[in-house]
Each structure stands twice: as C-alpha cells, then as structure tokens.
Amino acid sequence: MNNQHITPVIIGIAGGSASGKTTVADKIIENFGHTSSVTLIRHDDYYNDQSALTMEERMQTNYDHPLSLDNALLANHLQLLLAGETIAKPIYELKEHTRSSETEVMHPTQIIILEGILVLEDERLRDLMDIKIFVDTDADIRFIRRLKRDIAERGRTFESVVDQYLGTVRPMHNQFVEPSKRFADIILPEGGSNFVAIDLISTKIQSILDQK
C-alpha cells in the first residue's frame, strides 16, 4: 500500500464509558469505507505493558486513570503514520491484564480514527488530531448500558459492575474524562443515534480530505 503522499486525517472520539463512541466510529467508517481507507485505533490497546507484574498486581490497575496508558508510544505511532510509515500496534489482552506478545501491523490510511475515553485528555494526542469529538451521554444511560454489557458479554456479576463503577469509573470520569470535553471541536449528544451530527462530521471529514 502506498499512501505516503497522503497525510492522514486523524479524528479523536472521546466520551464516557458506554457513551456510544464505538457506534459513532462505526458510522463514520460506514460513510467512508467505500471511498477511502479507514483505520480504527482503540486507545485500550495502548494500556501499559504489565508483564513484569504478578497477576494480583495487574488486577489492581485502575484502567480509567490516564497513567494506565502509554500515550508516549501512541503519539509516536501516530506521528509515524502521518509520515507515511507503518507501525506495529500493540494488542492488549484484557483477561491477562497485559499486552499480547503479538502486534498488529498497521499502514497509514486516509482516515485514522482514535477512539477511547481519554483520547482528549493528553495534549500530545490532541495536537495530532484534525477533528476532536466528545460523545456526551447522560451518566444514568451510560451506567445502564455498561451494566447490561458487562453482565451479558463479560460474565460479570451485578455487584462487581456496581463496585467498579462507584470505585473507579465514576470518579475517574468526573476527574479526567468529563473535563476533557472542553477540548472537543464537536460535542455530540445522544451518541450513535444522532444521525444529523454524524452527517455533519462526515461532511467536514470529506472537506479536509479534499483539501489534502
């Protein structure tokens, strides 16, 4: 693939856990998948390598805190993609609470979507983005979605989901995620069901692509 003459458009999509970030990313990919290459990078794959820690130590990690993420590596990888280089993106194994020994080779494409709750929190990442989006969904809706998802898809108990939400998810959201909303170019209420906003975002992406 030779896209080195094309400088990618980098779109950051942030928002609270279960706010609808993935749905928004998927809608954008649907709109552009037929005309250009789109790469989705999940911030979750850049959690710190914890292979040197015991499993008990790994399980104490607060995954909602910015320090759990290797943003220096992610910023470096984004710069390489912007320069037309390929990267070896880490793969994070949530069940093992550390990085996989395998990586995923990613090539630069016209559009790169960076999705995660804290992608707007770090200035190094924000400075590389062309469009910064914050998906703004009410806390009660996010909690209900997270509760249903974690029980159905991850085999969690009701009590464990509630304990985690009250212990780390909510306080970290209030301390780090919610304040990052002020850096957004676009605040998108209602997540993936806001078709008007997604159409406007897609139009803006197309205009940037046309200029490049």
C-alpha atoms as a PDB file:
ATOM      1  CA  MET A   1       0.000   0.000   0.000  1.00  0.00           C
ATOM      2  CA  ASN A   2       1.481   3.324  -0.994  1.00  0.00           C
ATOM      3  CA  ASN A   3      -0.316   6.137   0.785  1.00  0.00           C
ATOM      4  CA  GLN A   4       2.855   8.003   1.693  1.00  0.00           C
ATOM      5  CA  HIS A   5       1.825  11.024  -0.381  1.00  0.00           C
ATOM      6  CA  ILE A   6      -1.433  11.303   1.609  1.00  0.00           C
ATOM      7  CA  THR A   7      -1.325  12.886   5.058  1.00  0.00           C
ATOM      8  CA  PRO A   8      -3.965  11.075   7.112  1.00  0.00           C
ATOM      9  CA  VAL A   9      -6.867  12.887   8.763  1.00  0.00           C
ATOM     10  CA  ILE A  10      -6.825  11.968  12.461  1.00  0.00           C
ATOM     11  CA  ILE A  11     -10.166  12.020  14.275  1.00  0.00           C
ATOM     12  CA  GLY A  12     -10.302  11.651  18.051  1.00  0.00           C
ATOM     13  CA  ILE A  13     -13.515  10.281  19.554  1.00  0.00           C
ATOM     14  CA  ALA A  14     -13.770  10.503  23.350  1.00  0.00           C
ATOM     15  CA  GLY A  15     -16.581  10.231  25.887  1.00  0.00           C
ATOM     16  CA  GLY A  16     -17.507   8.282  28.974  1.00  0.00           C
ATOM     17  CA  SER A  17     -17.602   4.513  29.174  1.00  0.00           C
ATOM     18  CA  ALA A  18     -20.616   3.189  27.198  1.00  0.00           C
ATOM     19  CA  SER A  19     -21.373   6.658  25.802  1.00  0.00           C
ATOM     20  CA  GLY A  20     -21.634   5.383  22.214  1.00  0.00           C
ATOM     21  CA  LYS A  21     -18.096   6.156  20.977  1.00  0.00           C
ATOM     22  CA  THR A  22     -17.771   2.867  19.110  1.00  0.00           C
ATOM     23  CA  THR A  23     -21.127   3.377  17.392  1.00  0.00           C
ATOM     24  CA  VAL A  24     -20.071   6.839  16.211  1.00  0.00           C
ATOM     25  CA  ALA A  25     -16.769   5.437  14.917  1.00  0.00           C
ATOM     26  CA  ASP A  26     -18.610   2.642  13.107  1.00  0.00           C
ATOM     27  CA  LYS A  27     -20.995   5.128  11.450  1.00  0.00           C
ATOM     28  CA  ILE A  28     -18.060   7.198  10.167  1.00  0.00           C
ATOM     29  CA  ILE A  29     -16.364   4.047   8.856  1.00  0.00           C
ATOM     30  CA  GLU A  30     -19.619   3.109   7.074  1.00  0.00           C
ATOM     31  CA  ASN A  31     -19.713   6.533   5.409  1.00  0.00           C
ATOM     32  CA  PHE A  32     -16.134   6.374   4.129  1.00  0.00           C
ATOM     33  CA  GLY A  33     -15.314   2.698   3.853  1.00  0.00           C
ATOM     34  CA  HIS A  34     -16.449   2.562   0.230  1.00  0.00           C
ATOM     35  CA  THR A  35     -14.353   5.541  -0.903  1.00  0.00           C
ATOM     36  CA  SER A  36     -11.189   5.543   1.164  1.00  0.00           C
ATOM     37  CA  SER A  37      -9.198   3.519   3.626  1.00  0.00           C
ATOM     38  CA  VAL A  38     -10.138   3.992   7.262  1.00  0.00           C
ATOM     39  CA  THR A  39      -8.071   2.787  10.217  1.00  0.00           C
ATOM     40  CA  LEU A  40      -9.556   2.452  13.710  1.00  0.00           C
ATOM     41  CA  ILE A  41      -7.143   2.590  16.625  1.00  0.00           C
ATOM     42  CA  ARG A  42      -8.526   1.844  20.065  1.00  0.00           C
ATOM     43  CA  HIS A  43      -6.821   3.618  22.944  1.00  0.00           C
ATOM     44  CA  ASP A  44      -7.383   0.451  25.016  1.00  0.00           C
ATOM     45  CA  ASP A  45      -4.635  -1.336  23.052  1.00  0.00           C
ATOM     46  CA  TYR A  46      -2.140   1.157  24.452  1.00  0.00           C
ATOM     47  CA  TYR A  47      -2.552   0.219  28.095  1.00  0.00           C
ATOM     48  CA  ASN A  48       0.860  -0.164  29.700  1.00  0.00           C
ATOM     49  CA  ASP A  49       2.684  -3.477  29.410  1.00  0.00           C
ATOM     50  CA  GLN A  50       2.334  -5.196  32.798  1.00  0.00           C
ATOM     51  CA  SER A  51       4.118  -8.456  32.026  1.00  0.00           C
ATOM     52  CA  ALA A  52       6.669  -7.808  34.787  1.00  0.00           C
ATOM     53  CA  LEU A  53       3.907  -7.705  37.427  1.00  0.00           C
ATOM     54  CA  THR A  54       2.144 -10.583  39.142  1.00  0.00           C
ATOM     55  CA  MET A  55      -1.475 -11.242  38.186  1.00  0.00           C
ATOM     56  CA  GLU A  56      -2.559  -9.931  41.591  1.00  0.00           C
ATOM     57  CA  GLU A  57      -0.657  -6.700  40.970  1.00  0.00           C
ATOM     58  CA  ARG A  58      -2.040  -6.388  37.449  1.00  0.00           C
ATOM     59  CA  MET A  59      -5.598  -6.696  38.701  1.00  0.00           C
ATOM     60  CA  GLN A  60      -5.120  -3.628  40.887  1.00  0.00           C
ATOM     61  CA  THR A  61      -4.652  -1.415  37.814  1.00  0.00           C
ATOM     62  CA  ASN A  62      -7.064   1.484  37.536  1.00  0.00           C
ATOM     63  CA  TYR A  63      -7.833   1.349  33.809  1.00  0.00           C
ATOM     64  CA  ASP A  64      -9.800   4.608  33.965  1.00  0.00           C
ATOM     65  CA  HIS A  65      -6.749   6.675  35.013  1.00  0.00           C
ATOM     66  CA  PRO A  66      -4.553   8.343  32.365  1.00  0.00           C
ATOM     67  CA  LEU A  67      -1.402   6.838  33.883  1.00  0.00           C
ATOM     68  CA  SER A  68      -2.593   3.356  32.849  1.00  0.00           C
ATOM     69  CA  LEU A  69      -1.980   4.292  29.198  1.00  0.00           C
ATOM     70  CA  ASP A  70       1.235   4.514  27.166  1.00  0.00           C
ATOM     71  CA  ASN A  71       0.426   7.785  25.426  1.00  0.00           C
ATOM     72  CA  ALA A  72       4.057   8.417  24.508  1.00  0.00           C
ATOM     73  CA  LEU A  73       4.062   5.274  22.359  1.00  0.00           C
ATOM     74  CA  LEU A  74       0.683   6.137  20.849  1.00  0.00           C
ATOM     75  CA  ALA A  75       1.789   9.678  19.962  1.00  0.00           C
ATOM     76  CA  ASN A  76       4.929   8.259  18.359  1.00  0.00           C
ATOM     77  CA  HIS A  77       2.879   5.769  16.349  1.00  0.00           C
ATOM     78  CA  LEU A  78       0.511   8.489  15.136  1.00  0.00           C
ATOM     79  CA  GLN A  79       3.482  10.609  14.037  1.00  0.00           C
ATOM     80  CA  LEU A  80       4.869   7.645  12.101  1.00  0.00           C
ATOM     81  CA  LEU A  81       1.520   7.094  10.364  1.00  0.00           C
ATOM     82  CA  LEU A  82       1.346  10.792   9.488  1.00  0.00           C
ATOM     83  CA  ALA A  83       4.805  10.459   7.950  1.00  0.00           C
ATOM     84  CA  GLY A  84       3.669   7.521   5.803  1.00  0.00           C
ATOM     85  CA  GLU A  85       5.299   4.791   7.880  1.00  0.00           C
ATOM     86  CA  THR A  86       3.784   1.541   9.089  1.00  0.00           C
ATOM     87  CA  ILE A  87       3.539   0.718  12.792  1.00  0.00           C
ATOM     88  CA  ALA A  88       3.400  -2.417  14.948  1.00  0.00           C
ATOM     89  CA  LYS A  89       0.391  -1.606  17.113  1.00  0.00           C
ATOM     90  CA  PRO A  90       0.252  -3.368  20.481  1.00  0.00           C
ATOM     91  CA  ILE A  91      -2.626  -5.710  21.277  1.00  0.00           C
ATOM     92  CA  TYR A  92      -3.907  -5.695  24.834  1.00  0.00           C
ATOM     93  CA  GLU A  93      -5.195  -8.885  26.440  1.00  0.00           C
ATOM     94  CA  LEU A  94      -7.813  -7.774  28.948  1.00  0.00           C
ATOM     95  CA  LYS A  95      -8.129 -11.217  30.515  1.00  0.00           C
ATOM     96  CA  GLU A  96      -4.362 -11.321  31.145  1.00  0.00           C
ATOM     97  CA  HIS A  97      -4.201  -7.638  32.140  1.00  0.00           C
ATOM     98  CA  THR A  98      -1.171  -7.050  29.951  1.00  0.00           C
ATOM     99  CA  ARG A  99      -0.045  -6.758  26.336  1.00  0.00           C
ATOM    100  CA  SER A 100      -0.026  -9.686  23.994  1.00  0.00           C
ATOM    101  CA  SER A 101       3.325 -10.858  22.672  1.00  0.00           C
ATOM    102  CA  GLU A 102       1.839 -10.284  19.218  1.00  0.00           C
ATOM    103  CA  THR A 103       1.366  -6.942  17.474  1.00  0.00           C
ATOM    104  CA  GLU A 104      -0.757  -5.761  14.562  1.00  0.00           C
ATOM    105  CA  VAL A 105       0.891  -4.168  11.528  1.00  0.00           C
ATOM    106  CA  MET A 106      -0.996  -1.032  10.507  1.00  0.00           C
ATOM    107  CA  HIS A 107      -0.434   1.039   7.393  1.00  0.00           C
ATOM    108  CA  PRO A 108      -1.183   4.755   7.008  1.00  0.00           C
ATOM    109  CA  THR A 109      -4.620   5.394   5.543  1.00  0.00           C
ATOM    110  CA  GLN A 110      -6.575   8.479   4.551  1.00  0.00           C
ATOM    111  CA  ILE A 111      -8.585   8.495   7.766  1.00  0.00           C
ATOM    112  CA  ILE A 112      -7.408   7.376  11.202  1.00  0.00           C
ATOM    113  CA  ILE A 113      -9.994   7.209  13.987  1.00  0.00           C
ATOM    114  CA  LEU A 114      -8.618   7.189  17.529  1.00  0.00           C
ATOM    115  CA  GLU A 115     -11.282   6.055  19.998  1.00  0.00           C
ATOM    116  CA  GLY A 116     -11.206   5.879  23.789  1.00  0.00           C
ATOM    117  CA  ILE A 117     -12.483   7.520  26.947  1.00  0.00           C
ATOM    118  CA  LEU A 118      -9.286   9.516  27.488  1.00  0.00           C
ATOM    119  CA  VAL A 119      -8.062  10.376  23.970  1.00  0.00           C
ATOM    120  CA  LEU A 120      -8.715  14.101  24.517  1.00  0.00           C
ATOM    121  CA  GLU A 121      -7.071  14.163  27.946  1.00  0.00           C
ATOM    122  CA  ASP A 122      -3.476  14.166  26.664  1.00  0.00           C
ATOM    123  CA  GLU A 123      -2.199  17.266  24.885  1.00  0.00           C
ATOM    124  CA  ARG A 124       0.286  15.249  22.807  1.00  0.00           C
ATOM    125  CA  LEU A 125      -2.597  13.319  21.248  1.00  0.00           C
ATOM    126  CA  ARG A 126      -4.869  16.346  20.828  1.00  0.00           C
ATOM    127  CA  ASP A 127      -2.173  18.218  18.932  1.00  0.00           C
ATOM    128  CA  LEU A 128      -2.109  15.471  16.278  1.00  0.00           C
ATOM    129  CA  MET A 129      -5.877  15.465  15.672  1.00  0.00           C
ATOM    130  CA  ASP A 130      -7.702  17.249  12.863  1.00  0.00           C
ATOM    131  CA  ILE A 131     -11.118  16.751  14.469  1.00  0.00           C
ATOM    132  CA  LYS A 132     -11.821  16.208  18.176  1.00  0.00           C
ATOM    133  CA  ILE A 133     -15.218  14.731  19.096  1.00  0.00           C
ATOM    134  CA  PHE A 134     -16.724  14.186  22.544  1.00  0.00           C
ATOM    135  CA  VAL A 135     -19.739  11.860  22.721  1.00  0.00           C
ATOM    136  CA  ASP A 136     -21.862  13.291  25.533  1.00  0.00           C
ATOM    137  CA  THR A 137     -24.348  10.834  27.025  1.00  0.00           C
ATOM    138  CA  ASP A 138     -26.149  11.104  30.379  1.00  0.00           C
ATOM    139  CA  ALA A 139     -24.498   9.236  33.246  1.00  0.00           C
ATOM    140  CA  ASP A 140     -27.537   7.076  34.015  1.00  0.00           C
ATOM    141  CA  ILE A 141     -27.763   5.896  30.399  1.00  0.00           C
ATOM    142  CA  ARG A 142     -24.036   5.102  30.337  1.00  0.00           C
ATOM    143  CA  PHE A 143     -24.257   3.154  33.587  1.00  0.00           C
ATOM    144  CA  ILE A 144     -27.256   1.082  32.421  1.00  0.00           C
ATOM    145  CA  ARG A 145     -25.515   0.283  29.118  1.00  0.00           C
ATOM    146  CA  ARG A 146     -22.309  -0.686  30.922  1.00  0.00           C
ATOM    147  CA  LEU A 147     -24.192  -2.847  33.423  1.00  0.00           C
ATOM    148  CA  LYS A 148     -26.055  -4.762  30.686  1.00  0.00           C
ATOM    149  CA  ARG A 149     -22.936  -5.119  28.528  1.00  0.00           C
ATOM    150  CA  ASP A 150     -20.592  -6.336  31.264  1.00  0.00           C
ATOM    151  CA  ILE A 151     -23.082  -8.894  32.569  1.00  0.00           C
ATOM    152  CA  ALA A 152     -24.091 -10.194  29.124  1.00  0.00           C
ATOM    153  CA  GLU A 153     -20.747 -10.066  27.296  1.00  0.00           C
ATOM    154  CA  ARG A 154     -18.118 -10.318  30.031  1.00  0.00           C
ATOM    155  CA  GLY A 155     -19.781 -12.608  32.540  1.00  0.00           C
ATOM    156  CA  ARG A 156     -19.579 -10.045  35.333  1.00  0.00           C
ATOM    157  CA  THR A 157     -21.859 -10.034  38.366  1.00  0.00           C
ATOM    158  CA  PHE A 158     -24.197  -7.151  39.140  1.00  0.00           C
ATOM    159  CA  GLU A 159     -22.265  -6.393  42.344  1.00  0.00           C
ATOM    160  CA  SER A 160     -18.838  -6.337  40.656  1.00  0.00           C
ATOM    161  CA  VAL A 161     -20.019  -3.926  37.945  1.00  0.00           C
ATOM    162  CA  VAL A 162     -21.570  -1.592  40.502  1.00  0.00           C
ATOM    163  CA  ASP A 163     -18.477  -1.730  42.753  1.00  0.00           C
ATOM    164  CA  GLN A 164     -16.166  -0.901  39.850  1.00  0.00           C
ATOM    165  CA  TYR A 165     -18.416   1.900  38.642  1.00  0.00           C
ATOM    166  CA  LEU A 166     -18.577   3.541  42.065  1.00  0.00           C
ATOM    167  CA  GLY A 167     -14.930   2.818  42.910  1.00  0.00           C
ATOM    168  CA  THR A 168     -13.121   3.931  39.748  1.00  0.00           C
ATOM    169  CA  VAL A 169     -15.306   4.526  36.677  1.00  0.00           C
ATOM    170  CA  ARG A 170     -17.411   7.382  38.041  1.00  0.00           C
ATOM    171  CA  PRO A 171     -14.689   9.238  39.982  1.00  0.00           C
ATOM    172  CA  MET A 172     -12.211   8.953  37.091  1.00  0.00           C
ATOM    173  CA  HIS A 173     -14.886  10.130  34.655  1.00  0.00           C
ATOM    174  CA  ASN A 174     -15.531  13.196  36.790  1.00  0.00           C
ATOM    175  CA  GLN A 175     -11.819  13.894  37.284  1.00  0.00           C
ATOM    176  CA  PHE A 176     -10.413  13.210  33.811  1.00  0.00           C
ATOM    177  CA  VAL A 177     -12.970  12.304  31.128  1.00  0.00           C
ATOM    178  CA  GLU A 178     -15.624  14.964  31.632  1.00  0.00           C
ATOM    179  CA  PRO A 179     -13.104  17.854  31.885  1.00  0.00           C
ATOM    180  CA  SER A 180     -11.574  16.800  28.532  1.00  0.00           C
ATOM    181  CA  LYS A 181     -14.866  17.767  26.865  1.00  0.00           C
ATOM    182  CA  ARG A 182     -13.693  21.383  26.760  1.00  0.00           C
ATOM    183  CA  PHE A 183     -11.030  20.419  24.198  1.00  0.00           C
ATOM    184  CA  ALA A 184     -13.560  18.997  21.735  1.00  0.00           C
ATOM    185  CA  ASP A 185     -14.344  20.685  18.430  1.00  0.00           C
ATOM    186  CA  ILE A 186     -17.692  18.881  18.388  1.00  0.00           C
ATOM    187  CA  ILE A 187     -19.790  17.743  21.358  1.00  0.00           C
ATOM    188  CA  LEU A 188     -22.106  15.040  20.109  1.00  0.00           C
ATOM    189  CA  PRO A 189     -25.190  14.349  22.250  1.00  0.00           C
ATOM    190  CA  GLU A 190     -27.025  11.024  22.023  1.00  0.00           C
ATOM    191  CA  GLY A 191     -24.092   9.117  20.556  1.00  0.00           C
ATOM    192  CA  GLY A 192     -24.659   6.973  17.510  1.00  0.00           C
ATOM    193  CA  SER A 193     -28.347   7.847  17.215  1.00  0.00           C
ATOM    194  CA  ASN A 194     -27.529  11.477  16.353  1.00  0.00           C
ATOM    195  CA  PHE A 195     -27.550  10.980  12.597  1.00  0.00           C
ATOM    196  CA  VAL A 196     -27.602  14.714  11.794  1.00  0.00           C
ATOM    197  CA  ALA A 197     -24.389  15.320  13.738  1.00  0.00           C
ATOM    198  CA  ILE A 198     -22.677  12.283  12.205  1.00  0.00           C
ATOM    199  CA  ASP A 199     -23.608  13.510   8.717  1.00  0.00           C
ATOM    200  CA  LEU A 200     -22.155  16.941   9.519  1.00  0.00           C
ATOM    201  CA  ILE A 201     -18.962  15.336  10.815  1.00  0.00           C
ATOM    202  CA  SER A 202     -18.701  13.207   7.677  1.00  0.00           C
ATOM    203  CA  THR A 203     -19.103  16.314   5.521  1.00  0.00           C
ATOM    204  CA  LYS A 204     -16.290  18.015   7.446  1.00  0.00           C
ATOM    205  CA  ILE A 205     -14.037  14.977   7.040  1.00  0.00           C
ATOM    206  CA  GLN A 206     -14.682  14.976   3.297  1.00  0.00           C
ATOM    207  CA  SER A 207     -13.780  18.669   3.058  1.00  0.00           C
ATOM    208  CA  ILE A 208     -10.479  18.043   4.834  1.00  0.00           C
ATOM    209  CA  LEU A 209      -9.731  15.115   2.536  1.00  0.00           C
ATOM    210  CA  ASP A 210     -10.491  17.275  -0.495  1.00  0.00           C
ATOM    211  CA  GLN A 211      -8.079  19.945   0.737  1.00  0.00           C
ATOM    212  CA  LYS A 212      -5.310  17.368   1.241  1.00  0.00           C
END
